[in-house]
Amino acid sequence: MKAALCTVPGRLEDVALSDADEPTCPTDGLLVRVHAAGVNFPDVLLVRGQYQEKPALPFAPGLELAGVVEAIGPTVSDFMIGDHVMAVVPHGGFAELCAVDAKQAYKLPRHVPFDHAAVLPVTYGTTYHAFVQRARLKSGETLLVLGAGGGVGLAAVELGRKFGARVIAEASTVEKREAARAAGAHETIDQATNGLVDRVKALTGGKGVDVIFDPVGGDLFDQSMRCVAPEARVLVIGFASGRIGEVKANRLLLKECGVLGVYWGAFARRNPETNRANFAQLIDWLAKGEIKPPIWRRFGLADVPAALAALAERRVIGKAVVVVRET
């Protein structure tokens, strides 16, 4: 088969389209013919050798995918050959075939486009868990989304609107703020020009926001802690800025607010049934057209280095997707 392989960790441009051995079907899993695979920042870290997991070389990056089941392991009973599925994998999505743990695979209705399904698991799985299990976001609350132009940020805007929140989106460029508006943001903020704290206070009549969704960290996290309403929940998603923010306990006391970590991968491993129920809802919304993951650009399998570079350079608005097989 063909795969975009990393043979030496380091430079993104060294990932190359190559011949690779076809994977075998796991005893408790599936062999999937990949049609599309989402591009995520951990793929960049995997290639650079900076991720907490270091696959044996050579390997294909790619953490999420959608395709068609070609083979089924002998202990698997919930899938059939020919099923359309999306799946989460440790790596291997940027290839024509991928071995998948059946517990990490989810059936898709046949009319759901593979490219839309392929970019759903990581960003929407994280965001749904953040809002439902962690923040318990309620209709009528005010939600501030930081870094709203990225994949997880736009998912937060869209799902926040879906849950009935008033959504304020912070993003660094005009194009990203326009994308946030298109995803459902009621208001947008250019914090570099207007200042985050003053603008949020103006938009909320001085009250502040009920929930903050923060995949950025650093200075934005520090500023956002001055934007919280009483009993607010601050969701720590990640640290795209490269710096981990800090909060003083007196601010938590005075506002009676909480800072909540969101580690979707660990949650999914601890609570597989709840995670599967989350995805059942997301897939239902996707199938009905009630959510639509924003795809910035589609890349071919030979163009994986360009897709990874675009993500590393923060040029991607929403998600990039690698189209492995045309439908």
C-alpha atoms as a PDB file:
ATOM      1  CA  MET A   1       0.000   0.000   0.000  1.00  0.00           C
ATOM      2  CA  LYS A   2       0.944   3.671  -0.140  1.00  0.00           C
ATOM      3  CA  ALA A   3       1.526   5.676   3.020  1.00  0.00           C
ATOM      4  CA  ALA A   4       2.981   9.031   4.041  1.00  0.00           C
ATOM      5  CA  LEU A   5       5.868   7.775   6.158  1.00  0.00           C
ATOM      6  CA  CYS A   6       8.072   9.371   8.763  1.00  0.00           C
ATOM      7  CA  THR A   7      11.391   7.511   8.641  1.00  0.00           C
ATOM      8  CA  VAL A   8      13.516   9.915  10.707  1.00  0.00           C
ATOM      9  CA  PRO A   9      11.952  12.138  13.393  1.00  0.00           C
ATOM     10  CA  GLY A  10      12.559  15.835  12.916  1.00  0.00           C
ATOM     11  CA  ARG A  11      11.590  17.790   9.825  1.00  0.00           C
ATOM     12  CA  LEU A  12       8.015  17.829   8.537  1.00  0.00           C
ATOM     13  CA  GLU A  13       9.224  18.040   4.942  1.00  0.00           C
ATOM     14  CA  ASP A  14      10.940  14.648   5.287  1.00  0.00           C
ATOM     15  CA  VAL A  15       7.603  12.826   5.504  1.00  0.00           C
ATOM     16  CA  ALA A  16       7.296  11.122   2.109  1.00  0.00           C
ATOM     17  CA  LEU A  17       4.819   9.064   0.126  1.00  0.00           C
ATOM     18  CA  SER A  18       6.257   5.545   0.077  1.00  0.00           C
ATOM     19  CA  ASP A  19       5.403   1.894  -0.310  1.00  0.00           C
ATOM     20  CA  ALA A  20       4.603   0.255   3.020  1.00  0.00           C
ATOM     21  CA  ASP A  21       3.611  -3.168   4.253  1.00  0.00           C
ATOM     22  CA  GLU A  22      -0.119  -3.600   4.638  1.00  0.00           C
ATOM     23  CA  PRO A  23      -1.173  -3.884   8.287  1.00  0.00           C
ATOM     24  CA  THR A  24      -2.784  -7.067   9.510  1.00  0.00           C
ATOM     25  CA  CYS A  25      -6.263  -7.032  10.958  1.00  0.00           C
ATOM     26  CA  PRO A  26      -6.128  -7.071  14.781  1.00  0.00           C
ATOM     27  CA  THR A  27      -7.844  -9.893  16.618  1.00  0.00           C
ATOM     28  CA  ASP A  28     -10.054  -7.359  18.413  1.00  0.00           C
ATOM     29  CA  GLY A  29     -10.155  -4.792  15.635  1.00  0.00           C
ATOM     30  CA  LEU A  30     -10.796  -3.835  12.059  1.00  0.00           C
ATOM     31  CA  LEU A  31      -8.824  -3.269   8.902  1.00  0.00           C
ATOM     32  CA  VAL A  32     -10.107  -0.067   7.325  1.00  0.00           C
ATOM     33  CA  ARG A  33      -9.654   1.195   3.763  1.00  0.00           C
ATOM     34  CA  VAL A  34      -8.962   4.849   4.513  1.00  0.00           C
ATOM     35  CA  HIS A  35     -10.813   7.459   2.463  1.00  0.00           C
ATOM     36  CA  ALA A  36      -9.906  10.561   4.488  1.00  0.00           C
ATOM     37  CA  ALA A  37      -7.864  11.453   7.562  1.00  0.00           C
ATOM     38  CA  GLY A  38      -7.882  14.577   9.702  1.00  0.00           C
ATOM     39  CA  VAL A  39      -4.737  16.592  10.430  1.00  0.00           C
ATOM     40  CA  ASN A  40      -4.063  17.482  14.080  1.00  0.00           C
ATOM     41  CA  PHE A  41      -1.266  19.215  15.967  1.00  0.00           C
ATOM     42  CA  PRO A  42      -0.154  15.980  17.686  1.00  0.00           C
ATOM     43  CA  ASP A  43       0.724  14.737  14.167  1.00  0.00           C
ATOM     44  CA  VAL A  44       3.258  17.560  13.966  1.00  0.00           C
ATOM     45  CA  LEU A  45       4.672  16.615  17.367  1.00  0.00           C
ATOM     46  CA  LEU A  46       4.832  12.915  16.402  1.00  0.00           C
ATOM     47  CA  VAL A  47       6.886  13.697  13.311  1.00  0.00           C
ATOM     48  CA  ARG A  48       9.173  16.016  15.256  1.00  0.00           C
ATOM     49  CA  GLY A  49       9.697  13.375  17.947  1.00  0.00           C
ATOM     50  CA  GLN A  50       8.193  15.701  20.569  1.00  0.00           C
ATOM     51  CA  TYR A  51       5.034  13.757  21.425  1.00  0.00           C
ATOM     52  CA  GLN A  52       4.679  11.674  24.600  1.00  0.00           C
ATOM     53  CA  GLU A  53       4.233   8.582  22.433  1.00  0.00           C
ATOM     54  CA  LYS A  54       7.018   7.643  20.034  1.00  0.00           C
ATOM     55  CA  PRO A  55       5.987   5.016  17.460  1.00  0.00           C
ATOM     56  CA  ALA A  56       8.532   2.650  16.010  1.00  0.00           C
ATOM     57  CA  LEU A  57      10.010   3.909  12.748  1.00  0.00           C
ATOM     58  CA  PRO A  58       8.890   4.098  10.042  1.00  0.00           C
ATOM     59  CA  PHE A  59       5.325   5.133  10.783  1.00  0.00           C
ATOM     60  CA  ALA A  60       2.515   7.086   9.166  1.00  0.00           C
ATOM     61  CA  PRO A  61       1.067   9.961  11.218  1.00  0.00           C
ATOM     62  CA  GLY A  62      -2.689  10.488  11.316  1.00  0.00           C
ATOM     63  CA  LEU A  63      -4.818  10.190  14.476  1.00  0.00           C
ATOM     64  CA  GLU A  64      -8.330  10.209  13.041  1.00  0.00           C
ATOM     65  CA  LEU A  65      -9.792   8.727   9.887  1.00  0.00           C
ATOM     66  CA  ALA A  66     -12.895   7.636   8.031  1.00  0.00           C
ATOM     67  CA  GLY A  67     -13.262   4.795   5.571  1.00  0.00           C
ATOM     68  CA  VAL A  68     -14.707   1.377   4.818  1.00  0.00           C
ATOM     69  CA  VAL A  69     -14.199  -1.855   6.787  1.00  0.00           C
ATOM     70  CA  GLU A  70     -12.241  -4.405   4.737  1.00  0.00           C
ATOM     71  CA  ALA A  71     -11.644  -7.091   7.373  1.00  0.00           C
ATOM     72  CA  ILE A  72     -12.853  -7.918  10.874  1.00  0.00           C
ATOM     73  CA  GLY A  73     -10.982  -9.595  13.732  1.00  0.00           C
ATOM     74  CA  PRO A  74     -12.361 -12.904  15.052  1.00  0.00           C
ATOM     75  CA  THR A  75     -13.482 -11.451  18.395  1.00  0.00           C
ATOM     76  CA  VAL A  76     -15.380  -8.511  16.841  1.00  0.00           C
ATOM     77  CA  SER A  77     -19.147  -8.832  16.422  1.00  0.00           C
ATOM     78  CA  ASP A  78     -20.423  -5.245  16.116  1.00  0.00           C
ATOM     79  CA  PHE A  79     -19.154  -4.492  12.604  1.00  0.00           C
ATOM     80  CA  MET A  80     -19.530  -5.946   9.112  1.00  0.00           C
ATOM     81  CA  ILE A  81     -17.302  -5.811   6.056  1.00  0.00           C
ATOM     82  CA  GLY A  82     -18.395  -2.792   4.027  1.00  0.00           C
ATOM     83  CA  ASP A  83     -19.458  -0.682   7.025  1.00  0.00           C
ATOM     84  CA  HIS A  84     -18.594   2.999   6.820  1.00  0.00           C
ATOM     85  CA  VAL A  85     -16.720   4.037   9.949  1.00  0.00           C
ATOM     86  CA  MET A  86     -14.734   6.813  11.553  1.00  0.00           C
ATOM     87  CA  ALA A  87     -12.010   5.959  14.019  1.00  0.00           C
ATOM     88  CA  VAL A  88      -9.347   7.275  16.368  1.00  0.00           C
ATOM     89  CA  VAL A  89      -5.907   5.637  16.164  1.00  0.00           C
ATOM     90  CA  PRO A  90      -2.498   6.246  17.817  1.00  0.00           C
ATOM     91  CA  HIS A  91      -1.054   6.847  14.325  1.00  0.00           C
ATOM     92  CA  GLY A  92      -1.351   5.372  10.840  1.00  0.00           C
ATOM     93  CA  GLY A  93      -4.214   7.354   9.351  1.00  0.00           C
ATOM     94  CA  PHE A  94      -2.181   8.805   6.475  1.00  0.00           C
ATOM     95  CA  ALA A  95      -2.136   5.497   4.614  1.00  0.00           C
ATOM     96  CA  GLU A  96      -4.362   3.509   2.297  1.00  0.00           C
ATOM     97  CA  LEU A  97      -5.084   0.889   4.980  1.00  0.00           C
ATOM     98  CA  CYS A  98      -5.113   1.208   8.753  1.00  0.00           C
ATOM     99  CA  ALA A  99      -5.576  -1.269  11.603  1.00  0.00           C
ATOM    100  CA  VAL A 100      -8.166   0.049  14.071  1.00  0.00           C
ATOM    101  CA  ASP A 101      -9.180  -0.993  17.584  1.00  0.00           C
ATOM    102  CA  ALA A 102     -12.897  -1.813  17.334  1.00  0.00           C
ATOM    103  CA  LYS A 103     -13.501   0.082  20.593  1.00  0.00           C
ATOM    104  CA  GLN A 104     -12.253   3.247  18.860  1.00  0.00           C
ATOM    105  CA  ALA A 105     -14.376   2.849  15.718  1.00  0.00           C
ATOM    106  CA  TYR A 106     -17.839   4.302  15.152  1.00  0.00           C
ATOM    107  CA  LYS A 107     -20.330   3.402  12.441  1.00  0.00           C
ATOM    108  CA  LEU A 108     -21.383   6.115  10.017  1.00  0.00           C
ATOM    109  CA  PRO A 109     -24.574   6.493   8.010  1.00  0.00           C
ATOM    110  CA  ARG A 110     -23.754   5.922   4.353  1.00  0.00           C
ATOM    111  CA  HIS A 111     -24.633   9.447   3.264  1.00  0.00           C
ATOM    112  CA  VAL A 112     -22.120  11.125   5.614  1.00  0.00           C
ATOM    113  CA  PRO A 113     -19.105  12.393   3.622  1.00  0.00           C
ATOM    114  CA  PHE A 114     -15.857  10.728   4.629  1.00  0.00           C
ATOM    115  CA  ASP A 115     -13.951  14.019   4.757  1.00  0.00           C
ATOM    116  CA  HIS A 116     -16.413  15.570   7.221  1.00  0.00           C
ATOM    117  CA  ALA A 117     -16.405  12.454   9.420  1.00  0.00           C
ATOM    118  CA  ALA A 118     -12.606  12.241   9.367  1.00  0.00           C
ATOM    119  CA  VAL A 119     -12.171  15.640  11.030  1.00  0.00           C
ATOM    120  CA  LEU A 120     -14.844  15.104  13.707  1.00  0.00           C
ATOM    121  CA  PRO A 121     -13.343  12.832  16.409  1.00  0.00           C
ATOM    122  CA  VAL A 122     -10.523  14.833  17.986  1.00  0.00           C
ATOM    123  CA  THR A 123     -11.897  18.383  17.980  1.00  0.00           C
ATOM    124  CA  TYR A 124     -15.585  17.640  18.454  1.00  0.00           C
ATOM    125  CA  GLY A 125     -14.935  14.758  20.856  1.00  0.00           C
ATOM    126  CA  THR A 126     -12.837  17.096  23.004  1.00  0.00           C
ATOM    127  CA  THR A 127     -15.340  19.942  22.845  1.00  0.00           C
ATOM    128  CA  TYR A 128     -18.455  17.882  23.555  1.00  0.00           C
ATOM    129  CA  HIS A 129     -16.757  16.307  26.580  1.00  0.00           C
ATOM    130  CA  ALA A 130     -15.628  19.752  27.745  1.00  0.00           C
ATOM    131  CA  PHE A 131     -19.105  21.233  27.589  1.00  0.00           C
ATOM    132  CA  VAL A 132     -21.144  18.253  28.791  1.00  0.00           C
ATOM    133  CA  GLN A 133     -19.058  16.360  31.334  1.00  0.00           C
ATOM    134  CA  ARG A 134     -16.767  19.152  32.550  1.00  0.00           C
ATOM    135  CA  ALA A 135     -18.432  22.597  32.347  1.00  0.00           C
ATOM    136  CA  ARG A 136     -22.064  21.436  32.142  1.00  0.00           C
ATOM    137  CA  LEU A 137     -22.730  24.356  29.824  1.00  0.00           C
ATOM    138  CA  LYS A 138     -26.339  25.557  30.005  1.00  0.00           C
ATOM    139  CA  SER A 139     -28.563  27.375  27.552  1.00  0.00           C
ATOM    140  CA  GLY A 140     -28.473  31.115  28.162  1.00  0.00           C
ATOM    141  CA  GLU A 141     -24.955  31.168  29.590  1.00  0.00           C
ATOM    142  CA  THR A 142     -22.204  33.245  28.039  1.00  0.00           C
ATOM    143  CA  LEU A 143     -19.256  31.358  26.536  1.00  0.00           C
ATOM    144  CA  LEU A 144     -15.876  32.860  25.627  1.00  0.00           C
ATOM    145  CA  VAL A 145     -13.877  30.813  23.101  1.00  0.00           C
ATOM    146  CA  LEU A 146     -10.181  31.672  22.826  1.00  0.00           C
ATOM    147  CA  GLY A 147      -8.278  30.763  19.658  1.00  0.00           C
ATOM    148  CA  ALA A 148     -11.595  30.465  17.867  1.00  0.00           C
ATOM    149  CA  GLY A 149     -10.102  30.152  14.373  1.00  0.00           C
ATOM    150  CA  GLY A 150      -8.525  26.735  14.927  1.00  0.00           C
ATOM    151  CA  GLY A 151     -10.166  23.347  14.608  1.00  0.00           C
ATOM    152  CA  VAL A 152     -11.061  22.881  18.267  1.00  0.00           C
ATOM    153  CA  GLY A 153     -11.942  26.577  18.627  1.00  0.00           C
ATOM    154  CA  LEU A 154     -14.433  26.529  15.765  1.00  0.00           C
ATOM    155  CA  ALA A 155     -15.898  23.277  17.103  1.00  0.00           C
ATOM    156  CA  ALA A 156     -16.399  25.065  20.433  1.00  0.00           C
ATOM    157  CA  VAL A 157     -18.118  27.981  18.717  1.00  0.00           C
ATOM    158  CA  GLU A 158     -20.454  25.689  16.794  1.00  0.00           C
ATOM    159  CA  LEU A 159     -21.308  23.402  19.720  1.00  0.00           C
ATOM    160  CA  GLY A 160     -21.600  26.324  22.124  1.00  0.00           C
ATOM    161  CA  ARG A 161     -24.225  27.858  19.855  1.00  0.00           C
ATOM    162  CA  LYS A 162     -25.877  24.428  19.535  1.00  0.00           C
ATOM    163  CA  PHE A 163     -26.178  24.218  23.334  1.00  0.00           C
ATOM    164  CA  GLY A 164     -27.846  27.626  23.457  1.00  0.00           C
ATOM    165  CA  ALA A 165     -24.982  29.715  24.805  1.00  0.00           C
ATOM    166  CA  ARG A 166     -24.212  33.269  23.813  1.00  0.00           C
ATOM    167  CA  VAL A 167     -20.829  32.819  22.126  1.00  0.00           C
ATOM    168  CA  ILE A 168     -18.029  35.387  22.162  1.00  0.00           C
ATOM    169  CA  ALA A 169     -15.100  34.324  19.979  1.00  0.00           C
ATOM    170  CA  GLU A 170     -11.525  35.598  20.198  1.00  0.00           C
ATOM    171  CA  ALA A 171      -9.355  35.078  17.119  1.00  0.00           C
ATOM    172  CA  SER A 172      -6.165  36.658  15.823  1.00  0.00           C
ATOM    173  CA  THR A 173      -7.048  37.495  12.201  1.00  0.00           C
ATOM    174  CA  VAL A 174      -9.975  38.916  10.247  1.00  0.00           C
ATOM    175  CA  GLU A 175     -10.335  35.619   8.354  1.00  0.00           C
ATOM    176  CA  LYS A 176     -10.497  33.598  11.556  1.00  0.00           C
ATOM    177  CA  ARG A 177     -13.038  35.960  13.118  1.00  0.00           C
ATOM    178  CA  GLU A 178     -15.168  35.680   9.977  1.00  0.00           C
ATOM    179  CA  ALA A 179     -14.969  31.882  10.235  1.00  0.00           C
ATOM    180  CA  ALA A 180     -16.074  32.106  13.874  1.00  0.00           C
ATOM    181  CA  ARG A 181     -19.048  34.242  12.848  1.00  0.00           C
ATOM    182  CA  ALA A 182     -19.942  31.690  10.187  1.00  0.00           C
ATOM    183  CA  ALA A 183     -19.752  28.924  12.812  1.00  0.00           C
ATOM    184  CA  GLY A 184     -22.252  30.737  15.026  1.00  0.00           C
ATOM    185  CA  ALA A 185     -20.394  33.301  17.177  1.00  0.00           C
ATOM    186  CA  HIS A 186     -22.601  36.171  18.315  1.00  0.00           C
ATOM    187  CA  GLU A 187     -19.630  38.483  18.894  1.00  0.00           C
ATOM    188  CA  THR A 188     -15.948  38.412  17.997  1.00  0.00           C
ATOM    189  CA  ILE A 189     -12.920  39.994  19.621  1.00  0.00           C
ATOM    190  CA  ASP A 190      -9.557  41.114  18.264  1.00  0.00           C
ATOM    191  CA  GLN A 191      -7.760  41.198  21.593  1.00  0.00           C
ATOM    192  CA  ALA A 192      -4.614  42.702  20.076  1.00  0.00           C
ATOM    193  CA  THR A 193      -6.575  45.802  19.034  1.00  0.00           C
ATOM    194  CA  ASN A 194      -9.382  46.079  21.565  1.00  0.00           C
ATOM    195  CA  GLY A 195      -8.028  44.245  24.595  1.00  0.00           C
ATOM    196  CA  LEU A 196      -9.702  41.083  25.813  1.00  0.00           C
ATOM    197  CA  VAL A 197     -10.747  42.172  29.305  1.00  0.00           C
ATOM    198  CA  ASP A 198     -12.278  45.526  28.391  1.00  0.00           C
ATOM    199  CA  ARG A 199     -14.100  44.105  25.377  1.00  0.00           C
ATOM    200  CA  VAL A 200     -15.560  41.158  27.316  1.00  0.00           C
ATOM    201  CA  LYS A 201     -16.705  43.434  30.118  1.00  0.00           C
ATOM    202  CA  ALA A 202     -18.332  45.765  27.588  1.00  0.00           C
ATOM    203  CA  LEU A 203     -20.136  42.864  25.903  1.00  0.00           C
ATOM    204  CA  THR A 204     -21.386  41.418  29.200  1.00  0.00           C
ATOM    205  CA  GLY A 205     -22.363  44.619  31.001  1.00  0.00           C
ATOM    206  CA  GLY A 206     -19.444  44.174  33.365  1.00  0.00           C
ATOM    207  CA  LYS A 207     -20.573  40.730  34.572  1.00  0.00           C
ATOM    208  CA  GLY A 208     -18.043  38.581  32.745  1.00  0.00           C
ATOM    209  CA  VAL A 209     -18.542  35.183  31.128  1.00  0.00           C
ATOM    210  CA  ASP A 210     -19.863  31.940  32.560  1.00  0.00           C
ATOM    211  CA  VAL A 211     -17.592  29.536  30.675  1.00  0.00           C
ATOM    212  CA  ILE A 212     -14.178  30.049  29.060  1.00  0.00           C
ATOM    213  CA  PHE A 213     -12.849  27.546  26.512  1.00  0.00           C
ATOM    214  CA  ASP A 214      -9.066  27.925  26.311  1.00  0.00           C
ATOM    215  CA  PRO A 215      -6.859  25.905  23.945  1.00  0.00           C
ATOM    216  CA  VAL A 216      -4.251  28.705  23.883  1.00  0.00           C
ATOM    217  CA  GLY A 217      -2.915  29.303  27.391  1.00  0.00           C
ATOM    218  CA  GLY A 218      -0.199  31.863  28.061  1.00  0.00           C
ATOM    219  CA  ASP A 219      -1.118  35.543  28.089  1.00  0.00           C
ATOM    220  CA  LEU A 220      -4.671  34.893  26.884  1.00  0.00           C
ATOM    221  CA  PHE A 221      -5.318  32.569  29.827  1.00  0.00           C
ATOM    222  CA  ASP A 222      -3.958  35.185  32.225  1.00  0.00           C
ATOM    223  CA  GLN A 223      -6.219  37.859  30.732  1.00  0.00           C
ATOM    224  CA  SER A 224      -9.260  35.606  30.587  1.00  0.00           C
ATOM    225  CA  MET A 225      -9.112  34.989  34.338  1.00  0.00           C
ATOM    226  CA  ARG A 226     -10.037  38.663  34.730  1.00  0.00           C
ATOM    227  CA  CYS A 227     -13.159  38.076  32.598  1.00  0.00           C
ATOM    228  CA  VAL A 228     -14.932  35.481  34.739  1.00  0.00           C
ATOM    229  CA  ALA A 229     -18.421  35.879  36.157  1.00  0.00           C
ATOM    230  CA  PRO A 230     -19.255  34.498  39.604  1.00  0.00           C
ATOM    231  CA  GLU A 231     -19.325  30.683  39.549  1.00  0.00           C
ATOM    232  CA  ALA A 232     -17.642  30.610  36.129  1.00  0.00           C
ATOM    233  CA  ARG A 233     -15.884  27.512  34.760  1.00  0.00           C
ATOM    234  CA  VAL A 234     -12.593  27.890  32.899  1.00  0.00           C
ATOM    235  CA  LEU A 235     -11.799  24.949  30.600  1.00  0.00           C
ATOM    236  CA  VAL A 236      -8.105  24.276  30.041  1.00  0.00           C
ATOM    237  CA  ILE A 237      -7.877  22.523  26.657  1.00  0.00           C
ATOM    238  CA  GLY A 238      -4.243  23.061  25.693  1.00  0.00           C
ATOM    239  CA  PHE A 239      -1.321  25.436  25.378  1.00  0.00           C
ATOM    240  CA  ALA A 240      -1.008  26.437  21.718  1.00  0.00           C
ATOM    241  CA  SER A 241       0.800  29.614  22.761  1.00  0.00           C
ATOM    242  CA  GLY A 242       3.658  27.527  24.146  1.00  0.00           C
ATOM    243  CA  ARG A 243       3.291  28.841  27.696  1.00  0.00           C
ATOM    244  CA  ILE A 244       1.221  27.373  30.508  1.00  0.00           C
ATOM    245  CA  GLY A 245      -0.806  30.046  32.260  1.00  0.00           C
ATOM    246  CA  GLU A 246      -1.060  30.357  36.027  1.00  0.00           C
ATOM    247  CA  VAL A 247      -3.885  31.459  38.282  1.00  0.00           C
ATOM    248  CA  LYS A 248      -3.781  32.737  41.842  1.00  0.00           C
ATOM    249  CA  ALA A 249      -6.066  30.979  44.280  1.00  0.00           C
ATOM    250  CA  ASN A 250      -7.495  34.247  45.639  1.00  0.00           C
ATOM    251  CA  ARG A 251      -9.175  34.897  42.282  1.00  0.00           C
ATOM    252  CA  LEU A 252     -10.864  31.491  42.463  1.00  0.00           C
ATOM    253  CA  LEU A 253     -12.031  32.310  45.988  1.00  0.00           C
ATOM    254  CA  LEU A 254     -13.362  35.786  45.218  1.00  0.00           C
ATOM    255  CA  LYS A 255     -15.295  34.690  42.127  1.00  0.00           C
ATOM    256  CA  GLU A 256     -16.153  31.200  43.406  1.00  0.00           C
ATOM    257  CA  CYS A 257     -15.033  29.956  40.006  1.00  0.00           C
ATOM    258  CA  GLY A 258     -13.275  26.794  38.910  1.00  0.00           C
ATOM    259  CA  VAL A 259     -10.475  25.921  36.516  1.00  0.00           C
ATOM    260  CA  LEU A 260     -11.151  22.530  34.921  1.00  0.00           C
ATOM    261  CA  GLY A 261      -8.747  20.400  32.932  1.00  0.00           C
ATOM    262  CA  VAL A 262     -10.036  18.730  29.764  1.00  0.00           C
ATOM    263  CA  TYR A 263      -8.073  15.653  28.676  1.00  0.00           C
ATOM    264  CA  TRP A 264     -10.430  13.927  26.282  1.00  0.00           C
ATOM    265  CA  GLY A 265      -8.147  10.997  25.437  1.00  0.00           C
ATOM    266  CA  ALA A 266      -7.795   9.944  29.073  1.00  0.00           C
ATOM    267  CA  PHE A 267     -11.534  10.469  29.667  1.00  0.00           C
ATOM    268  CA  ALA A 268     -12.375   8.259  26.688  1.00  0.00           C
ATOM    269  CA  ARG A 269     -10.158   5.459  28.015  1.00  0.00           C
ATOM    270  CA  ARG A 270     -11.657   5.679  31.518  1.00  0.00           C
ATOM    271  CA  ASN A 271     -15.259   6.047  30.386  1.00  0.00           C
ATOM    272  CA  PRO A 272     -15.657   4.235  27.050  1.00  0.00           C
ATOM    273  CA  GLU A 273     -19.438   3.917  27.285  1.00  0.00           C
ATOM    274  CA  THR A 274     -19.959   7.605  28.029  1.00  0.00           C
ATOM    275  CA  ASN A 275     -17.543   8.537  25.260  1.00  0.00           C
ATOM    276  CA  ARG A 276     -19.425   6.307  22.809  1.00  0.00           C
ATOM    277  CA  ALA A 277     -22.693   7.985  23.841  1.00  0.00           C
ATOM    278  CA  ASN A 278     -21.065  11.378  23.174  1.00  0.00           C
ATOM    279  CA  PHE A 279     -20.109  10.256  19.679  1.00  0.00           C
ATOM    280  CA  ALA A 280     -23.553   8.807  19.024  1.00  0.00           C
ATOM    281  CA  GLN A 281     -24.963  12.301  19.551  1.00  0.00           C
ATOM    282  CA  LEU A 282     -22.291  13.968  17.431  1.00  0.00           C
ATOM    283  CA  ILE A 283     -22.746  11.504  14.563  1.00  0.00           C
ATOM    284  CA  ASP A 284     -26.512  11.993  14.713  1.00  0.00           C
ATOM    285  CA  TRP A 285     -26.072  15.766  14.422  1.00  0.00           C
ATOM    286  CA  LEU A 286     -23.551  15.304  11.611  1.00  0.00           C
ATOM    287  CA  ALA A 287     -25.874  12.984   9.699  1.00  0.00           C
ATOM    288  CA  LYS A 288     -28.754  15.468  10.045  1.00  0.00           C
ATOM    289  CA  GLY A 289     -26.611  18.391   8.919  1.00  0.00           C
ATOM    290  CA  GLU A 290     -26.982  20.111  12.287  1.00  0.00           C
ATOM    291  CA  ILE A 291     -23.203  20.400  12.651  1.00  0.00           C
ATOM    292  CA  LYS A 292     -20.684  20.716   9.843  1.00  0.00           C
ATOM    293  CA  PRO A 293     -16.960  20.540  10.629  1.00  0.00           C
ATOM    294  CA  PRO A 294     -15.229  23.390   8.781  1.00  0.00           C
ATOM    295  CA  ILE A 295     -12.690  22.106   6.262  1.00  0.00           C
ATOM    296  CA  TRP A 296     -10.063  24.675   5.312  1.00  0.00           C
ATOM    297  CA  ARG A 297      -8.359  22.655   2.596  1.00  0.00           C
ATOM    298  CA  ARG A 298      -8.118  19.109   1.253  1.00  0.00           C
ATOM    299  CA  PHE A 299      -4.667  17.602   0.626  1.00  0.00           C
ATOM    300  CA  GLY A 300      -3.627  14.478  -1.235  1.00  0.00           C
ATOM    301  CA  LEU A 301      -1.619  11.720   0.411  1.00  0.00           C
ATOM    302  CA  ALA A 302       1.541  12.977  -1.314  1.00  0.00           C
ATOM    303  CA  ASP A 303       0.948  16.445   0.181  1.00  0.00           C
ATOM    304  CA  VAL A 304       0.993  15.469   3.864  1.00  0.00           C
ATOM    305  CA  PRO A 305       4.162  17.537   4.537  1.00  0.00           C
ATOM    306  CA  ALA A 306       2.394  20.650   3.231  1.00  0.00           C
ATOM    307  CA  ALA A 307      -0.647  19.915   5.396  1.00  0.00           C
ATOM    308  CA  LEU A 308       1.526  19.485   8.500  1.00  0.00           C
ATOM    309  CA  ALA A 309       3.465  22.673   7.722  1.00  0.00           C
ATOM    310  CA  ALA A 310       0.254  24.678   7.312  1.00  0.00           C
ATOM    311  CA  LEU A 311      -0.924  23.502  10.718  1.00  0.00           C
ATOM    312  CA  ALA A 312       2.443  24.139  12.388  1.00  0.00           C
ATOM    313  CA  GLU A 313       2.479  27.670  10.940  1.00  0.00           C
ATOM    314  CA  ARG A 314      -1.091  28.315  12.158  1.00  0.00           C
ATOM    315  CA  ARG A 315      -2.417  29.007   8.684  1.00  0.00           C
ATOM    316  CA  VAL A 316      -5.224  26.469   8.991  1.00  0.00           C
ATOM    317  CA  ILE A 317      -8.688  27.847   9.729  1.00  0.00           C
ATOM    318  CA  GLY A 318     -10.789  24.980  11.059  1.00  0.00           C
ATOM    319  CA  LYS A 319      -9.395  21.646   9.918  1.00  0.00           C
ATOM    320  CA  ALA A 320      -7.187  20.337   7.127  1.00  0.00           C
ATOM    321  CA  VAL A 321      -7.997  16.890   5.788  1.00  0.00           C
ATOM    322  CA  VAL A 322      -5.966  14.385   3.783  1.00  0.00           C
ATOM    323  CA  VAL A 323      -8.057  12.735   1.072  1.00  0.00           C
ATOM    324  CA  VAL A 324      -6.555   9.280   0.693  1.00  0.00           C
ATOM    325  CA  ARG A 325      -9.148   7.791  -1.648  1.00  0.00           C
ATOM    326  CA  GLU A 326     -11.662   9.682  -3.738  1.00  0.00           C
ATOM    327  CA  THR A 327     -15.217   8.497  -3.112  1.00  0.00           C
END
